[in-house]
Amino acid sequence: MALRVDLTFDCVRAEELAEFWKLALGYVDEPPPAPFRTRDEWVASFGPPGEDEGGGAWLHDPEGVGPRLVFLEVPEPKVAKNRLHIDVRVGKYGEAWGRVEQKVAQLVGAGASVRAVVGTHHVVLADPEGNEFCVAP
């Protein structure tokens, strides 16, 4: 039996980074688990936060296909290149490279930066907190 996976981002501003990834992937906010009415209630159920604990944000694929994304605020800064990254696939049908360029423009407008364009194969970007990802057909 295959297991589900979540992808968790350590970050500085969880809610802002979650907004970026909602735009990038078409994800939506994940509701709190039952019986909690809000995420704040759910978080409070774990007891008082530690000194270095920050906020968080939780997203899921509304189609139920992709992994859940979790954004957790941490005190230490990002110091190295990602060892895992996300590939955002726009589909290989029709004018695939045009869709790549449109998605890249949309994400740059939302705070991403272009790191490299690899021919017409993919574009390497960084999200607003420097996490690298690719956009490809």
C-alpha atoms as a PDB file:
ATOM      1  CA  MET A   1       0.000   0.000   0.000  1.00  0.00           C
ATOM      2  CA  ALA A   2       1.388   3.414  -0.988  1.00  0.00           C
ATOM      3  CA  LEU A   3       1.490   6.109   1.666  1.00  0.00           C
ATOM      4  CA  ARG A   4       0.444   9.744   1.359  1.00  0.00           C
ATOM      5  CA  VAL A   5       3.076  12.446   1.673  1.00  0.00           C
ATOM      6  CA  ASP A   6       2.935  16.065   2.767  1.00  0.00           C
ATOM      7  CA  LEU A   7       5.535  18.614   1.669  1.00  0.00           C
ATOM      8  CA  THR A   8       6.565  20.949   4.483  1.00  0.00           C
ATOM      9  CA  PHE A   9       8.311  24.279   3.966  1.00  0.00           C
ATOM     10  CA  ASP A  10      10.265  25.881   6.787  1.00  0.00           C
ATOM     11  CA  CYS A  11       9.793  29.599   6.210  1.00  0.00           C
ATOM     12  CA  VAL A  12       9.802  33.123   7.608  1.00  0.00           C
ATOM     13  CA  ARG A  13       6.221  34.183   6.701  1.00  0.00           C
ATOM     14  CA  ALA A  14       3.943  31.152   6.410  1.00  0.00           C
ATOM     15  CA  GLU A  15       0.713  32.845   5.339  1.00  0.00           C
ATOM     16  CA  GLU A  16       2.420  34.951   2.647  1.00  0.00           C
ATOM     17  CA  LEU A  17       4.300  31.972   1.244  1.00  0.00           C
ATOM     18  CA  ALA A  18       1.102  29.898   1.272  1.00  0.00           C
ATOM     19  CA  GLU A  19      -0.642  32.606  -0.793  1.00  0.00           C
ATOM     20  CA  PHE A  20       2.141  32.375  -3.389  1.00  0.00           C
ATOM     21  CA  TRP A  21       1.829  28.586  -3.638  1.00  0.00           C
ATOM     22  CA  LYS A  22      -1.990  28.764  -3.847  1.00  0.00           C
ATOM     23  CA  LEU A  23      -1.528  30.907  -6.959  1.00  0.00           C
ATOM     24  CA  ALA A  24       1.239  28.664  -8.334  1.00  0.00           C
ATOM     25  CA  LEU A  25      -0.644  25.382  -7.951  1.00  0.00           C
ATOM     26  CA  GLY A  26      -4.343  26.215  -7.664  1.00  0.00           C
ATOM     27  CA  TYR A  27      -4.394  24.859  -4.105  1.00  0.00           C
ATOM     28  CA  VAL A  28      -6.791  26.039  -1.395  1.00  0.00           C
ATOM     29  CA  ASP A  29      -6.617  26.463   2.369  1.00  0.00           C
ATOM     30  CA  GLU A  30      -7.085  23.199   4.204  1.00  0.00           C
ATOM     31  CA  PRO A  31      -9.831  23.337   6.813  1.00  0.00           C
ATOM     32  CA  PRO A  32      -8.906  22.441  10.390  1.00  0.00           C
ATOM     33  CA  PRO A  33      -9.370  18.816  11.403  1.00  0.00           C
ATOM     34  CA  ALA A  34     -12.598  17.897  13.185  1.00  0.00           C
ATOM     35  CA  PRO A  35     -13.791  18.786  15.754  1.00  0.00           C
ATOM     36  CA  PHE A  36     -11.950  22.140  15.579  1.00  0.00           C
ATOM     37  CA  ARG A  37     -13.664  25.162  14.039  1.00  0.00           C
ATOM     38  CA  THR A  38     -10.422  27.059  13.301  1.00  0.00           C
ATOM     39  CA  ARG A  39      -6.728  26.327  12.813  1.00  0.00           C
ATOM     40  CA  ASP A  40      -6.015  28.482  15.887  1.00  0.00           C
ATOM     41  CA  GLU A  41      -8.173  26.140  18.022  1.00  0.00           C
ATOM     42  CA  TRP A  42      -6.360  23.141  16.604  1.00  0.00           C
ATOM     43  CA  VAL A  43      -2.904  24.657  17.239  1.00  0.00           C
ATOM     44  CA  ALA A  44      -3.932  25.619  20.795  1.00  0.00           C
ATOM     45  CA  SER A  45      -4.863  21.986  21.465  1.00  0.00           C
ATOM     46  CA  PHE A  46      -1.132  21.134  21.478  1.00  0.00           C
ATOM     47  CA  GLY A  47      -0.515  23.408  24.477  1.00  0.00           C
ATOM     48  CA  PRO A  48       1.375  26.693  24.800  1.00  0.00           C
ATOM     49  CA  PRO A  49       3.721  27.404  21.881  1.00  0.00           C
ATOM     50  CA  GLY A  50       7.448  27.068  22.417  1.00  0.00           C
ATOM     51  CA  GLU A  51       9.673  30.128  22.336  1.00  0.00           C
ATOM     52  CA  ASP A  52      10.827  29.472  18.791  1.00  0.00           C
ATOM     53  CA  GLU A  53       7.463  28.378  17.361  1.00  0.00           C
ATOM     54  CA  GLY A  54       5.885  30.584  14.754  1.00  0.00           C
ATOM     55  CA  GLY A  55       2.728  30.463  12.709  1.00  0.00           C
ATOM     56  CA  GLY A  56       1.729  28.042  10.024  1.00  0.00           C
ATOM     57  CA  ALA A  57      -0.457  27.565   6.989  1.00  0.00           C
ATOM     58  CA  TRP A  58      -1.905  24.399   5.447  1.00  0.00           C
ATOM     59  CA  LEU A  59      -2.975  23.896   1.828  1.00  0.00           C
ATOM     60  CA  HIS A  60      -4.427  21.036  -0.165  1.00  0.00           C
ATOM     61  CA  ASP A  61      -5.249  20.181  -3.744  1.00  0.00           C
ATOM     62  CA  PRO A  62      -9.014  20.727  -4.177  1.00  0.00           C
ATOM     63  CA  GLU A  63      -9.067  17.698  -6.532  1.00  0.00           C
ATOM     64  CA  GLY A  64      -7.469  15.535  -3.839  1.00  0.00           C
ATOM     65  CA  VAL A  65      -4.627  14.424  -6.111  1.00  0.00           C
ATOM     66  CA  GLY A  66      -1.537  16.393  -5.092  1.00  0.00           C
ATOM     67  CA  PRO A  67       0.254  16.323  -1.742  1.00  0.00           C
ATOM     68  CA  ARG A  68      -0.753  18.571   1.131  1.00  0.00           C
ATOM     69  CA  LEU A  69       1.567  21.578   1.597  1.00  0.00           C
ATOM     70  CA  VAL A  70       2.475  22.770   5.082  1.00  0.00           C
ATOM     71  CA  PHE A  71       4.256  26.058   5.813  1.00  0.00           C
ATOM     72  CA  LEU A  72       5.832  26.391   9.252  1.00  0.00           C
ATOM     73  CA  GLU A  73       7.568  29.509  10.507  1.00  0.00           C
ATOM     74  CA  VAL A  74      11.029  28.820  11.924  1.00  0.00           C
ATOM     75  CA  PRO A  75      13.528  31.204  13.531  1.00  0.00           C
ATOM     76  CA  GLU A  76      16.593  30.245  11.489  1.00  0.00           C
ATOM     77  CA  PRO A  77      17.130  31.599   7.946  1.00  0.00           C
ATOM     78  CA  LYS A  78      17.458  29.515   4.788  1.00  0.00           C
ATOM     79  CA  VAL A  79      21.194  28.991   4.267  1.00  0.00           C
ATOM     80  CA  ALA A  80      21.626  26.490   1.432  1.00  0.00           C
ATOM     81  CA  LYS A  81      20.189  25.302  -1.864  1.00  0.00           C
ATOM     82  CA  ASN A  82      17.097  23.101  -1.633  1.00  0.00           C
ATOM     83  CA  ARG A  83      17.781  19.372  -1.754  1.00  0.00           C
ATOM     84  CA  LEU A  84      14.204  18.786  -2.948  1.00  0.00           C
ATOM     85  CA  HIS A  85      12.199  21.038  -5.227  1.00  0.00           C
ATOM     86  CA  ILE A  86       8.791  21.167  -6.844  1.00  0.00           C
ATOM     87  CA  ASP A  87       8.257  20.949 -10.616  1.00  0.00           C
ATOM     88  CA  VAL A  88       5.124  22.836 -11.672  1.00  0.00           C
ATOM     89  CA  ARG A  89       3.867  21.099 -14.834  1.00  0.00           C
ATOM     90  CA  VAL A  90       1.624  23.063 -17.194  1.00  0.00           C
ATOM     91  CA  GLY A  91       1.008  20.202 -19.682  1.00  0.00           C
ATOM     92  CA  LYS A  92       2.724  19.141 -22.908  1.00  0.00           C
ATOM     93  CA  TYR A  93      -0.242  19.559 -25.270  1.00  0.00           C
ATOM     94  CA  GLY A  94      -0.476  22.345 -27.902  1.00  0.00           C
ATOM     95  CA  GLU A  95       1.637  25.451 -27.264  1.00  0.00           C
ATOM     96  CA  ALA A  96       3.322  24.094 -24.163  1.00  0.00           C
ATOM     97  CA  TRP A  97       6.201  26.587 -24.035  1.00  0.00           C
ATOM     98  CA  GLY A  98       3.745  29.491 -24.293  1.00  0.00           C
ATOM     99  CA  ARG A  99       1.946  28.171 -21.204  1.00  0.00           C
ATOM    100  CA  VAL A 100       5.304  27.861 -19.409  1.00  0.00           C
ATOM    101  CA  GLU A 101       6.072  31.498 -20.229  1.00  0.00           C
ATOM    102  CA  GLN A 102       2.600  32.617 -19.065  1.00  0.00           C
ATOM    103  CA  LYS A 103       2.943  30.753 -15.756  1.00  0.00           C
ATOM    104  CA  VAL A 104       6.447  32.145 -15.208  1.00  0.00           C
ATOM    105  CA  ALA A 105       5.190  35.690 -15.839  1.00  0.00           C
ATOM    106  CA  GLN A 106       2.301  35.171 -13.421  1.00  0.00           C
ATOM    107  CA  LEU A 107       4.607  33.863 -10.688  1.00  0.00           C
ATOM    108  CA  VAL A 108       7.229  36.572 -11.210  1.00  0.00           C
ATOM    109  CA  GLY A 109       4.378  39.067 -10.788  1.00  0.00           C
ATOM    110  CA  ALA A 110       3.578  37.365  -7.466  1.00  0.00           C
ATOM    111  CA  GLY A 111       7.142  37.622  -6.149  1.00  0.00           C
ATOM    112  CA  ALA A 112       9.127  34.782  -7.756  1.00  0.00           C
ATOM    113  CA  SER A 113      12.475  35.404  -9.431  1.00  0.00           C
ATOM    114  CA  VAL A 114      13.867  33.635 -12.490  1.00  0.00           C
ATOM    115  CA  ARG A 115      17.139  31.797 -11.810  1.00  0.00           C
ATOM    116  CA  ALA A 116      17.659  30.119 -15.214  1.00  0.00           C
ATOM    117  CA  VAL A 117      15.914  29.341 -18.481  1.00  0.00           C
ATOM    118  CA  VAL A 118      16.967  25.925 -19.760  1.00  0.00           C
ATOM    119  CA  GLY A 119      16.184  26.113 -23.471  1.00  0.00           C
ATOM    120  CA  THR A 120      12.546  25.257 -24.007  1.00  0.00           C
ATOM    121  CA  HIS A 121      12.736  22.467 -21.439  1.00  0.00           C
ATOM    122  CA  HIS A 122      12.091  24.315 -18.143  1.00  0.00           C
ATOM    123  CA  VAL A 123      12.549  27.540 -16.173  1.00  0.00           C
ATOM    124  CA  VAL A 124      14.150  27.547 -12.735  1.00  0.00           C
ATOM    125  CA  LEU A 125      12.600  30.064 -10.348  1.00  0.00           C
ATOM    126  CA  ALA A 126      12.763  30.909  -6.661  1.00  0.00           C
ATOM    127  CA  ASP A 127       9.656  31.627  -4.600  1.00  0.00           C
ATOM    128  CA  PRO A 128       9.533  34.802  -2.441  1.00  0.00           C
ATOM    129  CA  GLU A 129      11.621  33.093   0.276  1.00  0.00           C
ATOM    130  CA  GLY A 130      14.239  31.662  -2.087  1.00  0.00           C
ATOM    131  CA  ASN A 131      12.962  28.080  -2.437  1.00  0.00           C
ATOM    132  CA  GLU A 132      13.851  26.888  -5.924  1.00  0.00           C
ATOM    133  CA  PHE A 133      11.282  25.248  -8.187  1.00  0.00           C
ATOM    134  CA  CYS A 134      10.806  24.685 -11.905  1.00  0.00           C
ATOM    135  CA  VAL A 135       8.040  25.401 -14.378  1.00  0.00           C
ATOM    136  CA  ALA A 136       7.947  22.950 -17.258  1.00  0.00           C
ATOM    137  CA  PRO A 137       5.541  21.571 -19.846  1.00  0.00           C
END
